[in-house]
Amino acid sequence: MYELSTESLDVELTSFRSPLDSLLYLAENEVSLIFLDIIMREMDGLTVLKKIRELERHADTAVIVVTSKDYAQDRSIAKQLGALDYLVKPLKSQEIRELIRQNTDVDSN
């Protein structure tokens, strides 16, 4: 979904199915913006967000939490962990592009 939504933007998109793989990548790489799902198999997204914040290089990286469940407790925890926003799926392509434009320095092609 994100791949199709970002085709018109000058961005490098890296996605992961495994939260553990994403944490390994983030430990070694800088990124401008993270879209993070809460519901994942190996580890929930809020735990991943906590681990992201423990990485010095990503203590302040913009993170947008995306989920199919709108729970007040999850929303509160995400905010405490510095999530920029908490969005409930499904997201529209235009919404994804706009979030990227607002939170990075990219423009449309």
PDB file of N, CA and C in Angstrom:
ATOM      1  N   MET A   1       0.818  -1.195   0.000  1.00  0.00           N
ATOM      2  CA  MET A   1       0.000   0.000   0.000  1.00  0.00           C
ATOM      3  C   MET A   1       0.861   1.258   0.000  1.00  0.00           C
ATOM      4  N   TYR A   2       1.878   1.292   0.874  1.00  0.00           N
ATOM      5  CA  TYR A   2       2.724   2.477   0.965  1.00  0.00           C
ATOM      6  C   TYR A   2       3.531   2.665  -0.315  1.00  0.00           C
ATOM      7  N   GLU A   3       3.936   1.554  -0.945  1.00  0.00           N
ATOM      8  CA  GLU A   3       4.705   1.651  -2.171  1.00  0.00           C
ATOM      9  C   GLU A   3       3.913   2.384  -3.258  1.00  0.00           C
ATOM     10  N   LEU A   4       2.671   2.002  -3.446  1.00  0.00           N
ATOM     11  CA  LEU A   4       1.825   2.653  -4.446  1.00  0.00           C
ATOM     12  C   LEU A   4       1.537   4.099  -4.073  1.00  0.00           C
ATOM     13  N   SER A   5       1.386   4.363  -2.799  1.00  0.00           N
ATOM     14  CA  SER A   5       1.051   5.708  -2.335  1.00  0.00           C
ATOM     15  C   SER A   5       2.205   6.683  -2.485  1.00  0.00           C
ATOM     16  N   THR A   6       3.428   6.178  -2.543  1.00  0.00           N
ATOM     17  CA  THR A   6       4.588   7.067  -2.571  1.00  0.00           C
ATOM     18  C   THR A   6       5.245   7.167  -3.944  1.00  0.00           C
ATOM     19  N   GLU A   7       4.670   6.540  -4.962  1.00  0.00           N
ATOM     20  CA  GLU A   7       5.268   6.566  -6.293  1.00  0.00           C
ATOM     21  C   GLU A   7       5.517   7.977  -6.807  1.00  0.00           C
ATOM     22  N   SER A   8       4.645   8.917  -6.511  1.00  0.00           N
ATOM     23  CA  SER A   8       4.792  10.279  -7.034  1.00  0.00           C
ATOM     24  C   SER A   8       5.725  11.144  -6.181  1.00  0.00           C
ATOM     25  N   LEU A   9       6.286  10.581  -5.132  1.00  0.00           N
ATOM     26  CA  LEU A   9       7.172  11.339  -4.252  1.00  0.00           C
ATOM     27  C   LEU A   9       8.620  10.898  -4.434  1.00  0.00           C
ATOM     28  N   ASP A  10       9.519  11.816  -4.221  1.00  0.00           N
ATOM     29  CA  ASP A  10      10.942  11.509  -4.296  1.00  0.00           C
ATOM     30  C   ASP A  10      11.400  11.009  -2.927  1.00  0.00           C
ATOM     31  N   VAL A  11      11.015   9.758  -2.614  1.00  0.00           N
ATOM     32  CA  VAL A  11      11.372   9.157  -1.323  1.00  0.00           C
ATOM     33  C   VAL A  11      11.933   7.768  -1.538  1.00  0.00           C
ATOM     34  N   GLU A  12      12.761   7.364  -0.607  1.00  0.00           N
ATOM     35  CA  GLU A  12      13.233   5.991  -0.577  1.00  0.00           C
ATOM     36  C   GLU A  12      12.430   5.291   0.508  1.00  0.00           C
ATOM     37  N   LEU A  13      11.661   4.319   0.128  1.00  0.00           N
ATOM     38  CA  LEU A  13      10.795   3.606   1.055  1.00  0.00           C
ATOM     39  C   LEU A  13      11.405   2.245   1.367  1.00  0.00           C
ATOM     40  N   THR A  14      11.551   1.975   2.638  1.00  0.00           N
ATOM     41  CA  THR A  14      12.029   0.670   3.085  1.00  0.00           C
ATOM     42  C   THR A  14      10.965   0.117   4.013  1.00  0.00           C
ATOM     43  N   SER A  15      10.482  -1.086   3.727  1.00  0.00           N
ATOM     44  CA  SER A  15       9.442  -1.668   4.577  1.00  0.00           C
ATOM     45  C   SER A  15       9.892  -3.031   5.071  1.00  0.00           C
ATOM     46  N   PHE A  16       9.324  -3.424   6.188  1.00  0.00           N
ATOM     47  CA  PHE A  16       9.685  -4.678   6.831  1.00  0.00           C
ATOM     48  C   PHE A  16       8.436  -5.411   7.273  1.00  0.00           C
ATOM     49  N   ARG A  17       8.442  -6.713   7.147  1.00  0.00           N
ATOM     50  CA  ARG A  17       7.372  -7.552   7.689  1.00  0.00           C
ATOM     51  C   ARG A  17       7.677  -7.923   9.131  1.00  0.00           C
ATOM     52  N   SER A  18       8.953  -7.925   9.472  1.00  0.00           N
ATOM     53  CA  SER A  18       9.380  -8.327  10.805  1.00  0.00           C
ATOM     54  C   SER A  18       9.810  -7.114  11.627  1.00  0.00           C
ATOM     55  N   PRO A  19       9.217  -6.924  12.804  1.00  0.00           N
ATOM     56  CA  PRO A  19       9.658  -5.825  13.655  1.00  0.00           C
ATOM     57  C   PRO A  19      11.116  -5.983  14.081  1.00  0.00           C
ATOM     58  N   LEU A  20      11.569  -7.211  14.255  1.00  0.00           N
ATOM     59  CA  LEU A  20      12.962  -7.429  14.645  1.00  0.00           C
ATOM     60  C   LEU A  20      13.905  -6.980  13.533  1.00  0.00           C
ATOM     61  N   ASP A  21      13.563  -7.278  12.293  1.00  0.00           N
ATOM     62  CA  ASP A  21      14.376  -6.820  11.160  1.00  0.00           C
ATOM     63  C   ASP A  21      14.383  -5.294  11.084  1.00  0.00           C
ATOM     64  N   SER A  22      13.241  -4.677  11.346  1.00  0.00           N
ATOM     65  CA  SER A  22      13.185  -3.214  11.284  1.00  0.00           C
ATOM     66  C   SER A  22      14.062  -2.587  12.367  1.00  0.00           C
ATOM     67  N   LEU A  23      14.083  -3.185  13.548  1.00  0.00           N
ATOM     68  CA  LEU A  23      14.931  -2.654  14.621  1.00  0.00           C
ATOM     69  C   LEU A  23      16.413  -2.797  14.287  1.00  0.00           C
ATOM     70  N   LEU A  24      16.782  -3.908  13.666  1.00  0.00           N
ATOM     71  CA  LEU A  24      18.173  -4.082  13.233  1.00  0.00           C
ATOM     72  C   LEU A  24      18.550  -3.017  12.202  1.00  0.00           C
ATOM     73  N   TYR A  25      17.655  -2.756  11.270  1.00  0.00           N
ATOM     74  CA  TYR A  25      17.891  -1.728  10.255  1.00  0.00           C
ATOM     75  C   TYR A  25      18.019  -0.352  10.902  1.00  0.00           C
ATOM     76  N   LEU A  26      17.097  -0.036  11.797  1.00  0.00           N
ATOM     77  CA  LEU A  26      17.100   1.285  12.436  1.00  0.00           C
ATOM     78  C   LEU A  26      18.321   1.503  13.324  1.00  0.00           C
ATOM     79  N   ALA A  27      18.864   0.446  13.863  1.00  0.00           N
ATOM     80  CA  ALA A  27      20.061   0.577  14.698  1.00  0.00           C
ATOM     81  C   ALA A  27      21.251   1.071  13.877  1.00  0.00           C
ATOM     82  N   GLU A  28      21.207   0.832  12.562  1.00  0.00           N
ATOM     83  CA  GLU A  28      22.337   1.183  11.696  1.00  0.00           C
ATOM     84  C   GLU A  28      22.049   2.309  10.713  1.00  0.00           C
ATOM     85  N   ASN A  29      20.794   2.734  10.595  1.00  0.00           N
ATOM     86  CA  ASN A  29      20.426   3.690   9.547  1.00  0.00           C
ATOM     87  C   ASN A  29      19.582   4.837  10.082  1.00  0.00           C
ATOM     88  N   GLU A  30      19.769   5.998   9.461  1.00  0.00           N
ATOM     89  CA  GLU A  30      18.937   7.166   9.735  1.00  0.00           C
ATOM     90  C   GLU A  30      17.706   7.105   8.832  1.00  0.00           C
ATOM     91  N   VAL A  31      16.571   7.509   9.372  1.00  0.00           N
ATOM     92  CA  VAL A  31      15.351   7.637   8.574  1.00  0.00           C
ATOM     93  C   VAL A  31      14.654   8.928   8.983  1.00  0.00           C
ATOM     94  N   SER A  32      13.818   9.438   8.101  1.00  0.00           N
ATOM     95  CA  SER A  32      13.115  10.688   8.376  1.00  0.00           C
ATOM     96  C   SER A  32      11.755  10.477   9.014  1.00  0.00           C
ATOM     97  N   LEU A  33      11.114   9.365   8.673  1.00  0.00           N
ATOM     98  CA  LEU A  33       9.743   9.131   9.107  1.00  0.00           C
ATOM     99  C   LEU A  33       9.490   7.634   9.174  1.00  0.00           C
ATOM    100  N   ILE A  34       8.778   7.212  10.204  1.00  0.00           N
ATOM    101  CA  ILE A  34       8.429   5.802  10.373  1.00  0.00           C
ATOM    102  C   ILE A  34       6.913   5.672  10.468  1.00  0.00           C
ATOM    103  N   PHE A  35       6.336   4.812   9.625  1.00  0.00           N
ATOM    104  CA  PHE A  35       4.950   4.386   9.789  1.00  0.00           C
ATOM    105  C   PHE A  35       5.017   3.055  10.520  1.00  0.00           C
ATOM    106  N   LEU A  36       4.360   2.956  11.643  1.00  0.00           N
ATOM    107  CA  LEU A  36       4.485   1.776  12.496  1.00  0.00           C
ATOM    108  C   LEU A  36       3.119   1.205  12.823  1.00  0.00           C
ATOM    109  N   ASP A  37       2.905  -0.035  12.429  1.00  0.00           N
ATOM    110  CA  ASP A  37       1.662  -0.733  12.748  1.00  0.00           C
ATOM    111  C   ASP A  37       1.729  -1.241  14.188  1.00  0.00           C
ATOM    112  N   ILE A  38       0.616  -1.290  14.871  1.00  0.00           N
ATOM    113  CA  ILE A  38       0.604  -1.801  16.241  1.00  0.00           C
ATOM    114  C   ILE A  38       0.495  -3.316  16.266  1.00  0.00           C
ATOM    115  N   ILE A  39      -0.320  -3.870  15.389  1.00  0.00           N
ATOM    116  CA  ILE A  39      -0.577  -5.306  15.433  1.00  0.00           C
ATOM    117  C   ILE A  39       0.395  -6.030  14.498  1.00  0.00           C
ATOM    118  N   MET A  40       1.344  -6.741  15.120  1.00  0.00           N
ATOM    119  CA  MET A  40       2.336  -7.518  14.377  1.00  0.00           C
ATOM    120  C   MET A  40       2.533  -8.845  15.094  1.00  0.00           C
ATOM    121  N   ARG A  41       3.114  -9.812  14.403  1.00  0.00           N
ATOM    122  CA  ARG A  41       3.241 -11.163  14.966  1.00  0.00           C
ATOM    123  C   ARG A  41       4.292 -11.281  16.055  1.00  0.00           C
ATOM    124  N   GLU A  42       5.504 -10.854  15.791  1.00  0.00           N
ATOM    125  CA  GLU A  42       6.610 -11.098  16.716  1.00  0.00           C
ATOM    126  C   GLU A  42       6.595 -10.193  17.946  1.00  0.00           C
ATOM    127  N   MET A  43       6.096  -8.979  17.767  1.00  0.00           N
ATOM    128  CA  MET A  43       6.157  -7.983  18.818  1.00  0.00           C
ATOM    129  C   MET A  43       5.144  -6.891  18.484  1.00  0.00           C
ATOM    130  N   ASP A  44       4.430  -6.395  19.473  1.00  0.00           N
ATOM    131  CA  ASP A  44       3.448  -5.355  19.168  1.00  0.00           C
ATOM    132  C   ASP A  44       4.163  -4.036  18.869  1.00  0.00           C
ATOM    133  N   GLY A  45       3.504  -3.197  18.113  1.00  0.00           N
ATOM    134  CA  GLY A  45       4.098  -1.947  17.662  1.00  0.00           C
ATOM    135  C   GLY A  45       4.463  -0.985  18.774  1.00  0.00           C
ATOM    136  N   LEU A  46       3.740  -1.003  19.870  1.00  0.00           N
ATOM    137  CA  LEU A  46       4.081  -0.104  20.974  1.00  0.00           C
ATOM    138  C   LEU A  46       5.395  -0.521  21.630  1.00  0.00           C
ATOM    139  N   THR A  47       5.640  -1.821  21.690  1.00  0.00           N
ATOM    140  CA  THR A  47       6.931  -2.309  22.188  1.00  0.00           C
ATOM    141  C   THR A  47       8.033  -1.918  21.213  1.00  0.00           C
ATOM    142  N   VAL A  48       7.754  -2.036  19.919  1.00  0.00           N
ATOM    143  CA  VAL A  48       8.727  -1.625  18.908  1.00  0.00           C
ATOM    144  C   VAL A  48       9.014  -0.132  19.047  1.00  0.00           C
ATOM    145  N   LEU A  49       7.992   0.670  19.241  1.00  0.00           N
ATOM    146  CA  LEU A  49       8.180   2.112  19.398  1.00  0.00           C
ATOM    147  C   LEU A  49       9.058   2.413  20.608  1.00  0.00           C
ATOM    148  N   LYS A  50       8.832   1.713  21.703  1.00  0.00           N
ATOM    149  CA  LYS A  50       9.675   1.903  22.893  1.00  0.00           C
ATOM    150  C   LYS A  50      11.134   1.576  22.559  1.00  0.00           C
ATOM    151  N   LYS A  51      11.354   0.494  21.834  1.00  0.00           N
ATOM    152  CA  LYS A  51      12.718   0.103  21.456  1.00  0.00           C
ATOM    153  C   LYS A  51      13.334   1.101  20.477  1.00  0.00           C
ATOM    154  N   ILE A  52      12.520   1.652  19.581  1.00  0.00           N
ATOM    155  CA  ILE A  52      13.010   2.689  18.657  1.00  0.00           C
ATOM    156  C   ILE A  52      13.496   3.888  19.464  1.00  0.00           C
ATOM    157  N   ARG A  53      12.738   4.284  20.463  1.00  0.00           N
ATOM    158  CA  ARG A  53      13.100   5.448  21.283  1.00  0.00           C
ATOM    159  C   ARG A  53      14.371   5.199  22.100  1.00  0.00           C
ATOM    160  N   GLU A  54      14.699   3.948  22.349  1.00  0.00           N
ATOM    161  CA  GLU A  54      15.921   3.611  23.073  1.00  0.00           C
ATOM    162  C   GLU A  54      17.156   3.715  22.180  1.00  0.00           C
ATOM    163  N   LEU A  55      16.955   3.757  20.872  1.00  0.00           N
ATOM    164  CA  LEU A  55      18.064   3.940  19.934  1.00  0.00           C
ATOM    165  C   LEU A  55      18.397   5.427  19.880  1.00  0.00           C
ATOM    166  N   GLU A  56      19.605   5.786  20.246  1.00  0.00           N
ATOM    167  CA  GLU A  56      19.980   7.201  20.320  1.00  0.00           C
ATOM    168  C   GLU A  56      19.680   7.956  19.031  1.00  0.00           C
ATOM    169  N   ARG A  57      19.963   7.349  17.896  1.00  0.00           N
ATOM    170  CA  ARG A  57      19.761   8.035  16.618  1.00  0.00           C
ATOM    171  C   ARG A  57      18.276   8.243  16.296  1.00  0.00           C
ATOM    172  N   HIS A  58      17.384   7.533  17.002  1.00  0.00           N
ATOM    173  CA  HIS A  58      15.947   7.659  16.710  1.00  0.00           C
ATOM    174  C   HIS A  58      15.121   8.129  17.913  1.00  0.00           C
ATOM    175  N   ALA A  59      15.796   8.742  18.853  1.00  0.00           N
ATOM    176  CA  ALA A  59      15.081   9.239  20.029  1.00  0.00           C
ATOM    177  C   ALA A  59      14.005  10.253  19.653  1.00  0.00           C
ATOM    178  N   ASP A  60      14.224  10.983  18.553  1.00  0.00           N
ATOM    179  CA  ASP A  60      13.277  12.018  18.136  1.00  0.00           C
ATOM    180  C   ASP A  60      12.753  11.834  16.717  1.00  0.00           C
ATOM    181  N   THR A  61      12.979  10.677  16.117  1.00  0.00           N
ATOM    182  CA  THR A  61      12.499  10.425  14.754  1.00  0.00           C
ATOM    183  C   THR A  61      10.974  10.453  14.735  1.00  0.00           C
ATOM    184  N   ALA A  62      10.425  11.081  13.710  1.00  0.00           N
ATOM    185  CA  ALA A  62       8.966  11.157  13.560  1.00  0.00           C
ATOM    186  C   ALA A  62       8.398   9.758  13.337  1.00  0.00           C
ATOM    187  N   VAL A  63       7.419   9.384  14.162  1.00  0.00           N
ATOM    188  CA  VAL A  63       6.757   8.084  14.059  1.00  0.00           C
ATOM    189  C   VAL A  63       5.254   8.314  14.002  1.00  0.00           C
ATOM    190  N   ILE A  64       4.628   7.701  13.018  1.00  0.00           N
ATOM    191  CA  ILE A  64       3.174   7.729  12.905  1.00  0.00           C
ATOM    192  C   ILE A  64       2.684   6.310  13.129  1.00  0.00           C
ATOM    193  N   VAL A  65       1.893   6.127  14.157  1.00  0.00           N
ATOM    194  CA  VAL A  65       1.343   4.824  14.498  1.00  0.00           C
ATOM    195  C   VAL A  65       0.087   4.604  13.662  1.00  0.00           C
ATOM    196  N   VAL A  66       0.012   3.425  13.054  1.00  0.00           N
ATOM    197  CA  VAL A  66      -1.120   3.064  12.206  1.00  0.00           C
ATOM    198  C   VAL A  66      -1.675   1.751  12.727  1.00  0.00           C
ATOM    199  N   THR A  67      -2.993   1.688  12.884  1.00  0.00           N
ATOM    200  CA  THR A  67      -3.594   0.479  13.436  1.00  0.00           C
ATOM    201  C   THR A  67      -5.025   0.297  12.953  1.00  0.00           C
ATOM    202  N   SER A  68      -5.499  -0.912  13.068  1.00  0.00           N
ATOM    203  CA  SER A  68      -6.899  -1.181  12.748  1.00  0.00           C
ATOM    204  C   SER A  68      -7.767  -1.081  14.003  1.00  0.00           C
ATOM    205  N   LYS A  69      -7.150  -0.948  15.155  1.00  0.00           N
ATOM    206  CA  LYS A  69      -7.862  -0.872  16.437  1.00  0.00           C
ATOM    207  C   LYS A  69      -7.663   0.501  17.063  1.00  0.00           C
ATOM    208  N   ASP A  70      -8.728   1.147  17.431  1.00  0.00           N
ATOM    209  CA  ASP A  70      -8.634   2.473  18.038  1.00  0.00           C
ATOM    210  C   ASP A  70      -8.908   2.367  19.539  1.00  0.00           C
ATOM    211  N   TYR A  71      -7.857   2.020  20.275  1.00  0.00           N
ATOM    212  CA  TYR A  71      -7.970   1.887  21.726  1.00  0.00           C
ATOM    213  C   TYR A  71      -7.359   3.100  22.408  1.00  0.00           C
ATOM    214  N   ALA A  72      -8.089   3.693  23.346  1.00  0.00           N
ATOM    215  CA  ALA A  72      -7.616   4.880  24.052  1.00  0.00           C
ATOM    216  C   ALA A  72      -6.296   4.612  24.765  1.00  0.00           C
ATOM    217  N   GLN A  73      -6.140   3.433  25.347  1.00  0.00           N
ATOM    218  CA  GLN A  73      -4.911   3.113  26.067  1.00  0.00           C
ATOM    219  C   GLN A  73      -3.716   3.066  25.102  1.00  0.00           C
ATOM    220  N   ASP A  74      -3.883   2.445  23.946  1.00  0.00           N
ATOM    221  CA  ASP A  74      -2.798   2.401  22.961  1.00  0.00           C
ATOM    222  C   ASP A  74      -2.465   3.803  22.468  1.00  0.00           C
ATOM    223  N   ARG A  75      -3.485   4.596  22.229  1.00  0.00           N
ATOM    224  CA  ARG A  75      -3.293   5.983  21.790  1.00  0.00           C
ATOM    225  C   ARG A  75      -2.474   6.750  22.828  1.00  0.00           C
ATOM    226  N   SER A  76      -2.797   6.565  24.096  1.00  0.00           N
ATOM    227  CA  SER A  76      -2.103   7.251  25.188  1.00  0.00           C
ATOM    228  C   SER A  76      -0.643   6.806  25.285  1.00  0.00           C
ATOM    229  N   ILE A  77      -0.403   5.517  25.197  1.00  0.00           N
ATOM    230  CA  ILE A  77       0.972   5.001  25.259  1.00  0.00           C
ATOM    231  C   ILE A  77       1.782   5.514  24.075  1.00  0.00           C
ATOM    232  N   ALA A  78       1.194   5.492  22.890  1.00  0.00           N
ATOM    233  CA  ALA A  78       1.892   5.985  21.701  1.00  0.00           C
ATOM    234  C   ALA A  78       2.285   7.447  21.881  1.00  0.00           C
ATOM    235  N   LYS A  79       1.388   8.230  22.418  1.00  0.00           N
ATOM    236  CA  LYS A  79       1.679   9.648  22.651  1.00  0.00           C
ATOM    237  C   LYS A  79       2.800   9.805  23.673  1.00  0.00           C
ATOM    238  N   GLN A  80       2.756   9.026  24.758  1.00  0.00           N
ATOM    239  CA  GLN A  80       3.808   9.083  25.778  1.00  0.00           C
ATOM    240  C   GLN A  80       5.168   8.725  25.194  1.00  0.00           C
ATOM    241  N   LEU A  81       5.179   7.835  24.217  1.00  0.00           N
ATOM    242  CA  LEU A  81       6.425   7.416  23.577  1.00  0.00           C
ATOM    243  C   LEU A  81       6.828   8.339  22.425  1.00  0.00           C
ATOM    244  N   GLY A  82       6.101   9.426  22.269  1.00  0.00           N
ATOM    245  CA  GLY A  82       6.480  10.440  21.293  1.00  0.00           C
ATOM    246  C   GLY A  82       5.987  10.221  19.886  1.00  0.00           C
ATOM    247  N   ALA A  83       4.957   9.414  19.711  1.00  0.00           N
ATOM    248  CA  ALA A  83       4.387   9.255  18.368  1.00  0.00           C
ATOM    249  C   ALA A  83       3.815  10.583  17.899  1.00  0.00           C
ATOM    250  N   LEU A  84       4.085  10.908  16.671  1.00  0.00           N
ATOM    251  CA  LEU A  84       3.612  12.147  16.079  1.00  0.00           C
ATOM    252  C   LEU A  84       2.097  12.111  15.874  1.00  0.00           C
ATOM    253  N   ASP A  85       1.593  10.938  15.492  1.00  0.00           N
ATOM    254  CA  ASP A  85       0.165  10.788  15.238  1.00  0.00           C
ATOM    255  C   ASP A  85      -0.214   9.330  15.428  1.00  0.00           C
ATOM    256  N   TYR A  86      -1.513   9.085  15.574  1.00  0.00           N
ATOM    257  CA  TYR A  86      -2.079   7.752  15.764  1.00  0.00           C
ATOM    258  C   TYR A  86      -3.267   7.668  14.825  1.00  0.00           C
ATOM    259  N   LEU A  87      -3.136   6.886  13.774  1.00  0.00           N
ATOM    260  CA  LEU A  87      -4.156   6.836  12.738  1.00  0.00           C
ATOM    261  C   LEU A  87      -4.769   5.449  12.636  1.00  0.00           C
ATOM    262  N   VAL A  88      -6.060   5.431  12.382  1.00  0.00           N
ATOM    263  CA  VAL A  88      -6.785   4.173  12.246  1.00  0.00           C
ATOM    264  C   VAL A  88      -6.937   3.847  10.764  1.00  0.00           C
ATOM    265  N   LYS A  89      -6.601   2.604  10.410  1.00  0.00           N
ATOM    266  CA  LYS A  89      -6.729   2.114   9.033  1.00  0.00           C
ATOM    267  C   LYS A  89      -8.191   2.038   8.645  1.00  0.00           C
ATOM    268  N   PRO A  90      -8.460   2.080   7.377  1.00  0.00           N
ATOM    269  CA  PRO A  90      -7.533   2.186   6.267  1.00  0.00           C
ATOM    270  C   PRO A  90      -7.147   3.643   6.016  1.00  0.00           C
ATOM    271  N   LEU A  91      -5.923   3.841   5.557  1.00  0.00           N
ATOM    272  CA  LEU A  91      -5.452   5.162   5.163  1.00  0.00           C
ATOM    273  C   LEU A  91      -5.587   5.292   3.657  1.00  0.00           C
ATOM    274  N   LYS A  92      -5.929   6.461   3.215  1.00  0.00           N
ATOM    275  CA  LYS A  92      -6.016   6.734   1.787  1.00  0.00           C
ATOM    276  C   LYS A  92      -4.631   7.111   1.271  1.00  0.00           C
ATOM    277  N   SER A  93      -4.359   6.810   0.015  1.00  0.00           N
ATOM    278  CA  SER A  93      -3.068   7.127  -0.595  1.00  0.00           C
ATOM    279  C   SER A  93      -2.727   8.607  -0.455  1.00  0.00           C
ATOM    280  N   GLN A  94      -3.700   9.461  -0.704  1.00  0.00           N
ATOM    281  CA  GLN A  94      -3.469  10.911  -0.594  1.00  0.00           C
ATOM    282  C   GLN A  94      -3.079  11.285   0.841  1.00  0.00           C
ATOM    283  N   GLU A  95      -3.687  10.649   1.811  1.00  0.00           N
ATOM    284  CA  GLU A  95      -3.376  10.911   3.213  1.00  0.00           C
ATOM    285  C   GLU A  95      -1.926  10.517   3.531  1.00  0.00           C
ATOM    286  N   ILE A  96      -1.501   9.388   3.016  1.00  0.00           N
ATOM    287  CA  ILE A  96      -0.121   8.929   3.227  1.00  0.00           C
ATOM    288  C   ILE A  96       0.854   9.912   2.595  1.00  0.00           C
ATOM    289  N   ARG A  97       0.588  10.316   1.350  1.00  0.00           N
ATOM    290  CA  ARG A  97       1.466  11.284   0.679  1.00  0.00           C
ATOM    291  C   ARG A  97       1.537  12.591   1.449  1.00  0.00           C
ATOM    292  N   GLU A  98       0.415  13.060   1.925  1.00  0.00           N
ATOM    293  CA  GLU A  98       0.386  14.323   2.664  1.00  0.00           C
ATOM    294  C   GLU A  98       1.158  14.222   3.975  1.00  0.00           C
ATOM    295  N   LEU A  99       1.036  13.107   4.668  1.00  0.00           N
ATOM    296  CA  LEU A  99       1.798  12.910   5.904  1.00  0.00           C
ATOM    297  C   LEU A  99       3.297  12.914   5.630  1.00  0.00           C
ATOM    298  N   ILE A 100       3.702  12.288   4.537  1.00  0.00           N
ATOM    299  CA  ILE A 100       5.121  12.286   4.172  1.00  0.00           C
ATOM    300  C   ILE A 100       5.584  13.699   3.850  1.00  0.00           C
ATOM    301  N   ARG A 101       4.814  14.430   3.065  1.00  0.00           N
ATOM    302  CA  ARG A 101       5.186  15.818   2.731  1.00  0.00           C
ATOM    303  C   ARG A 101       5.279  16.682   3.983  1.00  0.00           C
ATOM    304  N   GLN A 102       4.344  16.540   4.892  1.00  0.00           N
ATOM    305  CA  GLN A 102       4.315  17.355   6.100  1.00  0.00           C
ATOM    306  C   GLN A 102       5.456  17.051   7.053  1.00  0.00           C
ATOM    307  N   ASN A 103       5.940  15.824   7.039  1.00  0.00           N
ATOM    308  CA  ASN A 103       6.901  15.391   8.058  1.00  0.00           C
ATOM    309  C   ASN A 103       8.289  15.104   7.519  1.00  0.00           C
ATOM    310  N   THR A 104       8.524  15.392   6.244  1.00  0.00           N
ATOM    311  CA  THR A 104       9.849  15.254   5.653  1.00  0.00           C
ATOM    312  C   THR A 104      10.070  16.450   4.748  1.00  0.00           C
ATOM    313  N   ASP A 105      11.188  16.484   4.069  1.00  0.00           N
ATOM    314  CA  ASP A 105      11.458  17.593   3.165  1.00  0.00           C
ATOM    315  C   ASP A 105      11.330  17.203   1.695  1.00  0.00           C
ATOM    316  N   VAL A 106      10.400  16.273   1.402  1.00  0.00           N
ATOM    317  CA  VAL A 106      10.215  15.836   0.010  1.00  0.00           C
ATOM    318  C   VAL A 106       9.075  16.591  -0.653  1.00  0.00           C
ATOM    319  N   ASP A 107       9.160  16.646  -1.971  1.00  0.00           N
ATOM    320  CA  ASP A 107       8.109  17.238  -2.791  1.00  0.00           C
ATOM    321  C   ASP A 107       7.641  16.215  -3.797  1.00  0.00           C
ATOM    322  N   SER A 108       6.508  16.473  -4.419  1.00  0.00           N
ATOM    323  CA  SER A 108       6.018  15.603  -5.487  1.00  0.00           C
ATOM    324  C   SER A 108       6.890  15.763  -6.711  1.00  0.00           C
ATOM    325  N   ASN A 109       6.939  14.727  -7.524  1.00  0.00           N
ATOM    326  CA  ASN A 109       7.650  14.816  -8.810  1.00  0.00           C
ATOM    327  C   ASN A 109       6.787  15.509  -9.821  1.00  0.00           C
TER     328      ASN A 109
END
